[in-house]
Amino acid sequence: GEEVAPAEDLMREHGVLNRILLIYEE
């Protein structure tokens, strides 16, 4: 697997949140 630091992991998950926010805006 790919080794991901905790902060980077949480930021990637924020990317999912942002994409859902775009769905909400649409």
mmCIF file of all heavy atoms, coordinates in Angstrom:
data_MODEL
# 
_entry.id   MODEL 
# 
loop_
_atom_site.group_PDB 
_atom_site.id 
_atom_site.type_symbol 
_atom_site.label_atom_id 
_atom_site.label_alt_id 
_atom_site.label_comp_id 
_atom_site.label_asym_id 
_atom_site.label_entity_id 
_atom_site.label_seq_id 
_atom_site.pdbx_PDB_ins_code 
_atom_site.Cartn_x 
_atom_site.Cartn_y 
_atom_site.Cartn_z 
_atom_site.occupancy 
_atom_site.B_iso_or_equiv 
_atom_site.pdbx_formal_charge 
_atom_site.auth_seq_id 
_atom_site.auth_comp_id 
_atom_site.auth_asym_id 
_atom_site.auth_atom_id 
_atom_site.pdbx_PDB_model_num 
ATOM 1   N N   . GLY A 1 1  ? 0.811   -1.201 0.000   1.00 0.00 ? 1  GLY A N   1 
ATOM 2   C CA  . GLY A 1 1  ? 0.000   0.000  0.000   1.00 0.00 ? 1  GLY A CA  1 
ATOM 3   C C   . GLY A 1 1  ? 0.848   1.257  0.000   1.00 0.00 ? 1  GLY A C   1 
ATOM 4   O O   . GLY A 1 1  ? 2.052   1.218  0.180   1.00 0.00 ? 1  GLY A O   1 
ATOM 5   N N   . GLU A 1 2  ? 0.189   2.358  -0.204  1.00 0.00 ? 2  GLU A N   1 
ATOM 6   C CA  . GLU A 1 2  ? 0.860   3.655  -0.214  1.00 0.00 ? 2  GLU A CA  1 
ATOM 7   C C   . GLU A 1 2  ? 0.879   4.212  1.200   1.00 0.00 ? 2  GLU A C   1 
ATOM 8   O O   . GLU A 1 2  ? -0.155  4.273  1.866   1.00 0.00 ? 2  GLU A O   1 
ATOM 9   C CB  . GLU A 1 2  ? 0.097   4.606  -1.149  1.00 0.00 ? 2  GLU A CB  1 
ATOM 10  C CG  . GLU A 1 2  ? 0.650   6.021  -1.169  1.00 0.00 ? 2  GLU A CG  1 
ATOM 11  C CD  . GLU A 1 2  ? -0.238  6.950  -1.961  1.00 0.00 ? 2  GLU A CD  1 
ATOM 12  O OE1 . GLU A 1 2  ? -1.147  6.452  -2.644  1.00 0.00 ? 2  GLU A OE1 1 
ATOM 13  O OE2 . GLU A 1 2  ? -0.035  8.174  -1.891  1.00 0.00 ? 2  GLU A OE2 1 
ATOM 14  N N   . GLU A 1 3  ? 2.051   4.607  1.663   1.00 0.00 ? 3  GLU A N   1 
ATOM 15  C CA  . GLU A 1 3  ? 2.162   5.137  3.017   1.00 0.00 ? 3  GLU A CA  1 
ATOM 16  C C   . GLU A 1 3  ? 1.749   6.600  3.018   1.00 0.00 ? 3  GLU A C   1 
ATOM 17  O O   . GLU A 1 3  ? 2.321   7.421  2.318   1.00 0.00 ? 3  GLU A O   1 
ATOM 18  C CB  . GLU A 1 3  ? 3.593   4.991  3.538   1.00 0.00 ? 3  GLU A CB  1 
ATOM 19  C CG  . GLU A 1 3  ? 3.711   5.360  5.002   1.00 0.00 ? 3  GLU A CG  1 
ATOM 20  C CD  . GLU A 1 3  ? 5.033   4.929  5.587   1.00 0.00 ? 3  GLU A CD  1 
ATOM 21  O OE1 . GLU A 1 3  ? 5.869   4.397  4.836   1.00 0.00 ? 3  GLU A OE1 1 
ATOM 22  O OE2 . GLU A 1 3  ? 5.219   5.128  6.803   1.00 0.00 ? 3  GLU A OE2 1 
ATOM 23  N N   . VAL A 1 4  ? 0.724   6.932  3.792   1.00 0.00 ? 4  VAL A N   1 
ATOM 24  C CA  . VAL A 1 4  ? 0.183   8.289  3.829   1.00 0.00 ? 4  VAL A CA  1 
ATOM 25  C C   . VAL A 1 4  ? 0.218   8.782  5.265   1.00 0.00 ? 4  VAL A C   1 
ATOM 26  O O   . VAL A 1 4  ? -0.233  8.096  6.179   1.00 0.00 ? 4  VAL A O   1 
ATOM 27  C CB  . VAL A 1 4  ? -1.268  8.325  3.302   1.00 0.00 ? 4  VAL A CB  1 
ATOM 28  C CG1 . VAL A 1 4  ? -1.799  9.756  3.330   1.00 0.00 ? 4  VAL A CG1 1 
ATOM 29  C CG2 . VAL A 1 4  ? -1.337  7.768  1.882   1.00 0.00 ? 4  VAL A CG2 1 
ATOM 30  N N   . ALA A 1 5  ? 0.771   9.974  5.470   1.00 0.00 ? 5  ALA A N   1 
ATOM 31  C CA  . ALA A 1 5  ? 0.840   10.553 6.804   1.00 0.00 ? 5  ALA A CA  1 
ATOM 32  C C   . ALA A 1 5  ? -0.566  10.924 7.278   1.00 0.00 ? 5  ALA A C   1 
ATOM 33  O O   . ALA A 1 5  ? -1.452  11.197 6.456   1.00 0.00 ? 5  ALA A O   1 
ATOM 34  C CB  . ALA A 1 5  ? 1.738   11.783 6.789   1.00 0.00 ? 5  ALA A CB  1 
ATOM 35  N N   . PRO A 1 6  ? -0.804  10.961 8.595   1.00 0.00 ? 6  PRO A N   1 
ATOM 36  C CA  . PRO A 1 6  ? -2.150  11.252 9.109   1.00 0.00 ? 6  PRO A CA  1 
ATOM 37  C C   . PRO A 1 6  ? -2.748  12.554 8.586   1.00 0.00 ? 6  PRO A C   1 
ATOM 38  O O   . PRO A 1 6  ? -3.907  12.572 8.154   1.00 0.00 ? 6  PRO A O   1 
ATOM 39  C CB  . PRO A 1 6  ? -1.929  11.313 10.628  1.00 0.00 ? 6  PRO A CB  1 
ATOM 40  C CG  . PRO A 1 6  ? -0.751  10.450 10.871  1.00 0.00 ? 6  PRO A CG  1 
ATOM 41  C CD  . PRO A 1 6  ? 0.139   10.624 9.677   1.00 0.00 ? 6  PRO A CD  1 
ATOM 42  N N   . ALA A 1 7  ? -1.973  13.641 8.601   1.00 0.00 ? 7  ALA A N   1 
ATOM 43  C CA  . ALA A 1 7  ? -2.507  14.927 8.139   1.00 0.00 ? 7  ALA A CA  1 
ATOM 44  C C   . ALA A 1 7  ? -2.849  14.879 6.653   1.00 0.00 ? 7  ALA A C   1 
ATOM 45  O O   . ALA A 1 7  ? -3.884  15.390 6.215   1.00 0.00 ? 7  ALA A O   1 
ATOM 46  C CB  . ALA A 1 7  ? -1.507  16.046 8.413   1.00 0.00 ? 7  ALA A CB  1 
ATOM 47  N N   . GLU A 1 8  ? -1.983  14.240 5.868   1.00 0.00 ? 8  GLU A N   1 
ATOM 48  C CA  . GLU A 1 8  ? -2.248  14.117 4.431   1.00 0.00 ? 8  GLU A CA  1 
ATOM 49  C C   . GLU A 1 8  ? -3.503  13.277 4.194   1.00 0.00 ? 8  GLU A C   1 
ATOM 50  O O   . GLU A 1 8  ? -4.313  13.570 3.308   1.00 0.00 ? 8  GLU A O   1 
ATOM 51  C CB  . GLU A 1 8  ? -1.054  13.482 3.731   1.00 0.00 ? 8  GLU A CB  1 
ATOM 52  C CG  . GLU A 1 8  ? -1.236  13.343 2.224   1.00 0.00 ? 8  GLU A CG  1 
ATOM 53  C CD  . GLU A 1 8  ? -0.107  12.596 1.557   1.00 0.00 ? 8  GLU A CD  1 
ATOM 54  O OE1 . GLU A 1 8  ? 0.927   12.342 2.221   1.00 0.00 ? 8  GLU A OE1 1 
ATOM 55  O OE2 . GLU A 1 8  ? -0.258  12.245 0.370   1.00 0.00 ? 8  GLU A OE2 1 
ATOM 56  N N   . ASP A 1 9  ? -3.664  12.233 4.985   1.00 0.00 ? 9  ASP A N   1 
ATOM 57  C CA  . ASP A 1 9  ? -4.839  11.370 4.871   1.00 0.00 ? 9  ASP A CA  1 
ATOM 58  C C   . ASP A 1 9  ? -6.114  12.172 5.116   1.00 0.00 ? 9  ASP A C   1 
ATOM 59  O O   . ASP A 1 9  ? -7.092  12.081 4.364   1.00 0.00 ? 9  ASP A O   1 
ATOM 60  C CB  . ASP A 1 9  ? -4.717  10.237 5.888   1.00 0.00 ? 9  ASP A CB  1 
ATOM 61  C CG  . ASP A 1 9  ? -5.455  8.991  5.454   1.00 0.00 ? 9  ASP A CG  1 
ATOM 62  O OD1 . ASP A 1 9  ? -5.926  8.949  4.300   1.00 0.00 ? 9  ASP A OD1 1 
ATOM 63  O OD2 . ASP A 1 9  ? -5.554  8.054  6.253   1.00 0.00 ? 9  ASP A OD2 1 
ATOM 64  N N   . LEU A 1 10 ? -6.114  12.982 6.168   1.00 0.00 ? 10 LEU A N   1 
ATOM 65  C CA  . LEU A 1 10 ? -7.288  13.789 6.496   1.00 0.00 ? 10 LEU A CA  1 
ATOM 66  C C   . LEU A 1 10 ? -7.561  14.835 5.424   1.00 0.00 ? 10 LEU A C   1 
ATOM 67  O O   . LEU A 1 10 ? -8.724  15.130 5.107   1.00 0.00 ? 10 LEU A O   1 
ATOM 68  C CB  . LEU A 1 10 ? -7.082  14.460 7.857   1.00 0.00 ? 10 LEU A CB  1 
ATOM 69  C CG  . LEU A 1 10 ? -7.030  13.499 9.058   1.00 0.00 ? 10 LEU A CG  1 
ATOM 70  C CD1 . LEU A 1 10 ? -6.544  14.228 10.306  1.00 0.00 ? 10 LEU A CD1 1 
ATOM 71  C CD2 . LEU A 1 10 ? -8.389  12.856 9.303   1.00 0.00 ? 10 LEU A CD2 1 
ATOM 72  N N   . MET A 1 11 ? -6.497  15.399 4.842   1.00 0.00 ? 11 MET A N   1 
ATOM 73  C CA  . MET A 1 11 ? -6.678  16.385 3.777   1.00 0.00 ? 11 MET A CA  1 
ATOM 74  C C   . MET A 1 11 ? -7.256  15.743 2.516   1.00 0.00 ? 11 MET A C   1 
ATOM 75  O O   . MET A 1 11 ? -8.081  16.351 1.821   1.00 0.00 ? 11 MET A O   1 
ATOM 76  C CB  . MET A 1 11 ? -5.347  17.071 3.464   1.00 0.00 ? 11 MET A CB  1 
ATOM 77  C CG  . MET A 1 11 ? -4.893  18.041 4.527   1.00 0.00 ? 11 MET A CG  1 
ATOM 78  S SD  . MET A 1 11 ? -3.297  18.795 4.108   1.00 0.00 ? 11 MET A SD  1 
ATOM 79  C CE  . MET A 1 11 ? -3.015  19.837 5.553   1.00 0.00 ? 11 MET A CE  1 
ATOM 80  N N   . ARG A 1 12 ? -6.836  14.524 2.202   1.00 0.00 ? 12 ARG A N   1 
ATOM 81  C CA  . ARG A 1 12 ? -7.410  13.815 1.050   1.00 0.00 ? 12 ARG A CA  1 
ATOM 82  C C   . ARG A 1 12 ? -8.908  13.605 1.263   1.00 0.00 ? 12 ARG A C   1 
ATOM 83  O O   . ARG A 1 12 ? -9.702  13.720 0.325   1.00 0.00 ? 12 ARG A O   1 
ATOM 84  C CB  . ARG A 1 12 ? -6.732  12.450 0.859   1.00 0.00 ? 12 ARG A CB  1 
ATOM 85  C CG  . ARG A 1 12 ? -5.307  12.503 0.391   1.00 0.00 ? 12 ARG A CG  1 
ATOM 86  C CD  . ARG A 1 12 ? -4.848  11.154 -0.152  1.00 0.00 ? 12 ARG A CD  1 
ATOM 87  N NE  . ARG A 1 12 ? -5.225  10.021 0.693   1.00 0.00 ? 12 ARG A NE  1 
ATOM 88  C CZ  . ARG A 1 12 ? -5.082  8.748  0.329   1.00 0.00 ? 12 ARG A CZ  1 
ATOM 89  N NH1 . ARG A 1 12 ? -4.599  8.441  -0.856  1.00 0.00 ? 12 ARG A NH1 1 
ATOM 90  N NH2 . ARG A 1 12 ? -5.424  7.776  1.153   1.00 0.00 ? 12 ARG A NH2 1 
ATOM 91  N N   . GLU A 1 13 ? -9.271  13.284 2.490   1.00 0.00 ? 13 GLU A N   1 
ATOM 92  C CA  . GLU A 1 13 ? -10.692 13.095 2.792   1.00 0.00 ? 13 GLU A CA  1 
ATOM 93  C C   . GLU A 1 13 ? -11.461 14.401 2.671   1.00 0.00 ? 13 GLU A C   1 
ATOM 94  O O   . GLU A 1 13 ? -12.645 14.396 2.310   1.00 0.00 ? 13 GLU A O   1 
ATOM 95  C CB  . GLU A 1 13 ? -10.826 12.472 4.185   1.00 0.00 ? 13 GLU A CB  1 
ATOM 96  C CG  . GLU A 1 13 ? -10.315 11.035 4.221   1.00 0.00 ? 13 GLU A CG  1 
ATOM 97  C CD  . GLU A 1 13 ? -9.955  10.537 5.602   1.00 0.00 ? 13 GLU A CD  1 
ATOM 98  O OE1 . GLU A 1 13 ? -10.285 11.235 6.591   1.00 0.00 ? 13 GLU A OE1 1 
ATOM 99  O OE2 . GLU A 1 13 ? -9.339  9.457  5.712   1.00 0.00 ? 13 GLU A OE2 1 
ATOM 100 N N   . HIS A 1 14 ? -10.805 15.516 2.941   1.00 0.00 ? 14 HIS A N   1 
ATOM 101 C CA  . HIS A 1 14 ? -11.431 16.815 2.699   1.00 0.00 ? 14 HIS A CA  1 
ATOM 102 C C   . HIS A 1 14 ? -11.704 17.021 1.218   1.00 0.00 ? 14 HIS A C   1 
ATOM 103 O O   . HIS A 1 14 ? -12.626 17.751 0.837   1.00 0.00 ? 14 HIS A O   1 
ATOM 104 C CB  . HIS A 1 14 ? -10.548 17.950 3.229   1.00 0.00 ? 14 HIS A CB  1 
ATOM 105 C CG  . HIS A 1 14 ? -10.739 18.203 4.688   1.00 0.00 ? 14 HIS A CG  1 
ATOM 106 N ND1 . HIS A 1 14 ? -9.996  19.131 5.395   1.00 0.00 ? 14 HIS A ND1 1 
ATOM 107 C CD2 . HIS A 1 14 ? -11.600 17.658 5.584   1.00 0.00 ? 14 HIS A CD2 1 
ATOM 108 C CE1 . HIS A 1 14 ? -10.393 19.137 6.657   1.00 0.00 ? 14 HIS A CE1 1 
ATOM 109 N NE2 . HIS A 1 14 ? -11.359 18.260 6.793   1.00 0.00 ? 14 HIS A NE2 1 
ATOM 110 N N   . GLY A 1 15 ? -10.887 16.389 0.370   1.00 0.00 ? 15 GLY A N   1 
ATOM 111 C CA  . GLY A 1 15 ? -11.150 16.457 -1.066  1.00 0.00 ? 15 GLY A CA  1 
ATOM 112 C C   . GLY A 1 15 ? -12.482 15.814 -1.408  1.00 0.00 ? 15 GLY A C   1 
ATOM 113 O O   . GLY A 1 15 ? -13.234 16.320 -2.256  1.00 0.00 ? 15 GLY A O   1 
ATOM 114 N N   . VAL A 1 16 ? -12.804 14.697 -0.756  1.00 0.00 ? 16 VAL A N   1 
ATOM 115 C CA  . VAL A 1 16 ? -14.115 14.068 -0.943  1.00 0.00 ? 16 VAL A CA  1 
ATOM 116 C C   . VAL A 1 16 ? -15.209 15.019 -0.475  1.00 0.00 ? 16 VAL A C   1 
ATOM 117 O O   . VAL A 1 16 ? -16.225 15.220 -1.162  1.00 0.00 ? 16 VAL A O   1 
ATOM 118 C CB  . VAL A 1 16 ? -14.203 12.738 -0.169  1.00 0.00 ? 16 VAL A CB  1 
ATOM 119 C CG1 . VAL A 1 16 ? -15.607 12.158 -0.254  1.00 0.00 ? 16 VAL A CG1 1 
ATOM 120 C CG2 . VAL A 1 16 ? -13.185 11.744 -0.699  1.00 0.00 ? 16 VAL A CG2 1 
ATOM 121 N N   . LEU A 1 17 ? -15.025 15.609 0.689   1.00 0.00 ? 17 LEU A N   1 
ATOM 122 C CA  . LEU A 1 17 ? -16.003 16.568 1.212   1.00 0.00 ? 17 LEU A CA  1 
ATOM 123 C C   . LEU A 1 17 ? -16.240 17.691 0.217   1.00 0.00 ? 17 LEU A C   1 
ATOM 124 O O   . LEU A 1 17 ? -17.389 18.060 -0.065  1.00 0.00 ? 17 LEU A O   1 
ATOM 125 C CB  . LEU A 1 17 ? -15.515 17.129 2.558   1.00 0.00 ? 17 LEU A CB  1 
ATOM 126 C CG  . LEU A 1 17 ? -16.322 18.286 3.148   1.00 0.00 ? 17 LEU A CG  1 
ATOM 127 C CD1 . LEU A 1 17 ? -17.767 17.900 3.389   1.00 0.00 ? 17 LEU A CD1 1 
ATOM 128 C CD2 . LEU A 1 17 ? -15.670 18.765 4.448   1.00 0.00 ? 17 LEU A CD2 1 
ATOM 129 N N   . ASN A 1 18 ? -15.178 18.229 -0.354  1.00 0.00 ? 18 ASN A N   1 
ATOM 130 C CA  . ASN A 1 18 ? -15.312 19.321 -1.317  1.00 0.00 ? 18 ASN A CA  1 
ATOM 131 C C   . ASN A 1 18 ? -16.105 18.907 -2.542  1.00 0.00 ? 18 ASN A C   1 
ATOM 132 O O   . ASN A 1 18 ? -16.903 19.682 -3.086  1.00 0.00 ? 18 ASN A O   1 
ATOM 133 C CB  . ASN A 1 18 ? -13.925 19.819 -1.737  1.00 0.00 ? 18 ASN A CB  1 
ATOM 134 C CG  . ASN A 1 18 ? -13.554 21.117 -1.050  1.00 0.00 ? 18 ASN A CG  1 
ATOM 135 O OD1 . ASN A 1 18 ? -14.351 22.042 -1.015  1.00 0.00 ? 18 ASN A OD1 1 
ATOM 136 N ND2 . ASN A 1 18 ? -12.355 21.184 -0.506  1.00 0.00 ? 18 ASN A ND2 1 
ATOM 137 N N   . ARG A 1 19 ? -15.887 17.689 -3.005  1.00 0.00 ? 19 ARG A N   1 
ATOM 138 C CA  . ARG A 1 19 ? -16.622 17.227 -4.182  1.00 0.00 ? 19 ARG A CA  1 
ATOM 139 C C   . ARG A 1 19 ? -18.105 17.037 -3.870  1.00 0.00 ? 19 ARG A C   1 
ATOM 140 O O   . ARG A 1 19 ? -18.970 17.291 -4.731  1.00 0.00 ? 19 ARG A O   1 
ATOM 141 C CB  . ARG A 1 19 ? -15.985 15.940 -4.722  1.00 0.00 ? 19 ARG A CB  1 
ATOM 142 C CG  . ARG A 1 19 ? -14.620 16.201 -5.323  1.00 0.00 ? 19 ARG A CG  1 
ATOM 143 C CD  . ARG A 1 19 ? -13.879 14.954 -5.753  1.00 0.00 ? 19 ARG A CD  1 
ATOM 144 N NE  . ARG A 1 19 ? -14.463 14.348 -6.954  1.00 0.00 ? 19 ARG A NE  1 
ATOM 145 C CZ  . ARG A 1 19 ? -13.820 13.443 -7.700  1.00 0.00 ? 19 ARG A CZ  1 
ATOM 146 N NH1 . ARG A 1 19 ? -12.593 13.060 -7.371  1.00 0.00 ? 19 ARG A NH1 1 
ATOM 147 N NH2 . ARG A 1 19 ? -14.403 12.931 -8.771  1.00 0.00 ? 19 ARG A NH2 1 
ATOM 148 N N   . ILE A 1 20 ? -18.414 16.645 -2.645  1.00 0.00 ? 20 ILE A N   1 
ATOM 149 C CA  . ILE A 1 20 ? -19.827 16.551 -2.259  1.00 0.00 ? 20 ILE A CA  1 
ATOM 150 C C   . ILE A 1 20 ? -20.434 17.946 -2.135  1.00 0.00 ? 20 ILE A C   1 
ATOM 151 O O   . ILE A 1 20 ? -21.599 18.165 -2.494  1.00 0.00 ? 20 ILE A O   1 
ATOM 152 C CB  . ILE A 1 20 ? -19.996 15.766 -0.942  1.00 0.00 ? 20 ILE A CB  1 
ATOM 153 C CG1 . ILE A 1 20 ? -19.475 14.330 -1.081  1.00 0.00 ? 20 ILE A CG1 1 
ATOM 154 C CG2 . ILE A 1 20 ? -21.457 15.772 -0.498  1.00 0.00 ? 20 ILE A CG2 1 
ATOM 155 C CD1 . ILE A 1 20 ? -20.252 13.467 -2.053  1.00 0.00 ? 20 ILE A CD1 1 
ATOM 156 N N   . LEU A 1 21 ? -19.647 18.909 -1.660  1.00 0.00 ? 21 LEU A N   1 
ATOM 157 C CA  . LEU A 1 21 ? -20.155 20.283 -1.587  1.00 0.00 ? 21 LEU A CA  1 
ATOM 158 C C   . LEU A 1 21 ? -20.505 20.801 -2.974  1.00 0.00 ? 21 LEU A C   1 
ATOM 159 O O   . LEU A 1 21 ? -21.484 21.548 -3.148  1.00 0.00 ? 21 LEU A O   1 
ATOM 160 C CB  . LEU A 1 21 ? -19.120 21.198 -0.917  1.00 0.00 ? 21 LEU A CB  1 
ATOM 161 C CG  . LEU A 1 21 ? -18.806 20.918 0.559   1.00 0.00 ? 21 LEU A CG  1 
ATOM 162 C CD1 . LEU A 1 21 ? -17.835 21.961 1.109   1.00 0.00 ? 21 LEU A CD1 1 
ATOM 163 C CD2 . LEU A 1 21 ? -20.066 20.857 1.410   1.00 0.00 ? 21 LEU A CD2 1 
ATOM 164 N N   . LEU A 1 22 ? -19.736 20.422 -3.983  1.00 0.00 ? 22 LEU A N   1 
ATOM 165 C CA  . LEU A 1 22 ? -20.063 20.803 -5.363  1.00 0.00 ? 22 LEU A CA  1 
ATOM 166 C C   . LEU A 1 22 ? -21.380 20.158 -5.811  1.00 0.00 ? 22 LEU A C   1 
ATOM 167 O O   . LEU A 1 22 ? -22.184 20.775 -6.520  1.00 0.00 ? 22 LEU A O   1 
ATOM 168 C CB  . LEU A 1 22 ? -18.929 20.400 -6.311  1.00 0.00 ? 22 LEU A CB  1 
ATOM 169 C CG  . LEU A 1 22 ? -17.631 21.196 -6.184  1.00 0.00 ? 22 LEU A CG  1 
ATOM 170 C CD1 . LEU A 1 22 ? -16.538 20.575 -7.049  1.00 0.00 ? 22 LEU A CD1 1 
ATOM 171 C CD2 . LEU A 1 22 ? -17.852 22.649 -6.601  1.00 0.00 ? 22 LEU A CD2 1 
ATOM 172 N N   . ILE A 1 23 ? -21.597 18.911 -5.400  1.00 0.00 ? 23 ILE A N   1 
ATOM 173 C CA  . ILE A 1 23 ? -22.866 18.243 -5.702  1.00 0.00 ? 23 ILE A CA  1 
ATOM 174 C C   . ILE A 1 23 ? -24.018 18.974 -5.023  1.00 0.00 ? 23 ILE A C   1 
ATOM 175 O O   . ILE A 1 23 ? -25.095 19.168 -5.607  1.00 0.00 ? 23 ILE A O   1 
ATOM 176 C CB  . ILE A 1 23 ? -22.802 16.768 -5.258  1.00 0.00 ? 23 ILE A CB  1 
ATOM 177 C CG1 . ILE A 1 23 ? -21.844 15.993 -6.161  1.00 0.00 ? 23 ILE A CG1 1 
ATOM 178 C CG2 . ILE A 1 23 ? -24.198 16.135 -5.252  1.00 0.00 ? 23 ILE A CG2 1 
ATOM 179 C CD1 . ILE A 1 23 ? -21.592 14.556 -5.726  1.00 0.00 ? 23 ILE A CD1 1 
ATOM 180 N N   . TYR A 1 24 ? -23.803 19.398 -3.786  1.00 0.00 ? 24 TYR A N   1 
ATOM 181 C CA  . TYR A 1 24 ? -24.835 20.153 -3.065  1.00 0.00 ? 24 TYR A CA  1 
ATOM 182 C C   . TYR A 1 24 ? -25.138 21.467 -3.783  1.00 0.00 ? 24 TYR A C   1 
ATOM 183 O O   . TYR A 1 24 ? -26.306 21.865 -3.917  1.00 0.00 ? 24 TYR A O   1 
ATOM 184 C CB  . TYR A 1 24 ? -24.368 20.437 -1.634  1.00 0.00 ? 24 TYR A CB  1 
ATOM 185 C CG  . TYR A 1 24 ? -24.565 19.292 -0.658  1.00 0.00 ? 24 TYR A CG  1 
ATOM 186 C CD1 . TYR A 1 24 ? -24.967 18.028 -1.084  1.00 0.00 ? 24 TYR A CD1 1 
ATOM 187 C CD2 . TYR A 1 24 ? -24.345 19.471 0.708   1.00 0.00 ? 24 TYR A CD2 1 
ATOM 188 C CE1 . TYR A 1 24 ? -25.138 16.983 -0.186  1.00 0.00 ? 24 TYR A CE1 1 
ATOM 189 C CE2 . TYR A 1 24 ? -24.531 18.434 1.614   1.00 0.00 ? 24 TYR A CE2 1 
ATOM 190 C CZ  . TYR A 1 24 ? -24.915 17.195 1.164   1.00 0.00 ? 24 TYR A CZ  1 
ATOM 191 O OH  . TYR A 1 24 ? -25.101 16.164 2.058   1.00 0.00 ? 24 TYR A OH  1 
ATOM 192 N N   . GLU A 1 25 ? -24.113 22.159 -4.241  1.00 0.00 ? 25 GLU A N   1 
ATOM 193 C CA  . GLU A 1 25 ? -24.327 23.442 -4.926  1.00 0.00 ? 25 GLU A CA  1 
ATOM 194 C C   . GLU A 1 25 ? -25.070 23.239 -6.251  1.00 0.00 ? 25 GLU A C   1 
ATOM 195 O O   . GLU A 1 25 ? -25.934 24.043 -6.610  1.00 0.00 ? 25 GLU A O   1 
ATOM 196 C CB  . GLU A 1 25 ? -22.989 24.134 -5.151  1.00 0.00 ? 25 GLU A CB  1 
ATOM 197 C CG  . GLU A 1 25 ? -22.379 24.665 -3.862  1.00 0.00 ? 25 GLU A CG  1 
ATOM 198 C CD  . GLU A 1 25 ? -20.978 25.234 -4.039  1.00 0.00 ? 25 GLU A CD  1 
ATOM 199 O OE1 . GLU A 1 25 ? -20.261 24.781 -4.969  1.00 0.00 ? 25 GLU A OE1 1 
ATOM 200 O OE2 . GLU A 1 25 ? -20.599 26.125 -3.263  1.00 0.00 ? 25 GLU A OE2 1 
ATOM 201 N N   . GLU A 1 26 ? -24.733 22.175 -6.971  1.00 0.00 ? 26 GLU A N   1 
ATOM 202 C CA  . GLU A 1 26 ? -25.468 21.876 -8.217  1.00 0.00 ? 26 GLU A CA  1 
ATOM 203 C C   . GLU A 1 26 ? -26.916 21.515 -7.905  1.00 0.00 ? 26 GLU A C   1 
ATOM 204 O O   . GLU A 1 26 ? -27.841 21.896 -8.643  1.00 0.00 ? 26 GLU A O   1 
ATOM 205 C CB  . GLU A 1 26 ? -24.775 20.730 -8.958  1.00 0.00 ? 26 GLU A CB  1 
ATOM 206 C CG  . GLU A 1 26 ? -25.509 20.232 -10.184 1.00 0.00 ? 26 GLU A CG  1 
ATOM 207 C CD  . GLU A 1 26 ? -25.664 21.273 -11.280 1.00 0.00 ? 26 GLU A CD  1 
ATOM 208 O OE1 . GLU A 1 26 ? -24.941 22.302 -11.263 1.00 0.00 ? 26 GLU A OE1 1 
ATOM 209 O OE2 . GLU A 1 26 ? -26.518 21.060 -12.175 1.00 0.00 ? 26 GLU A OE2 1 
# 
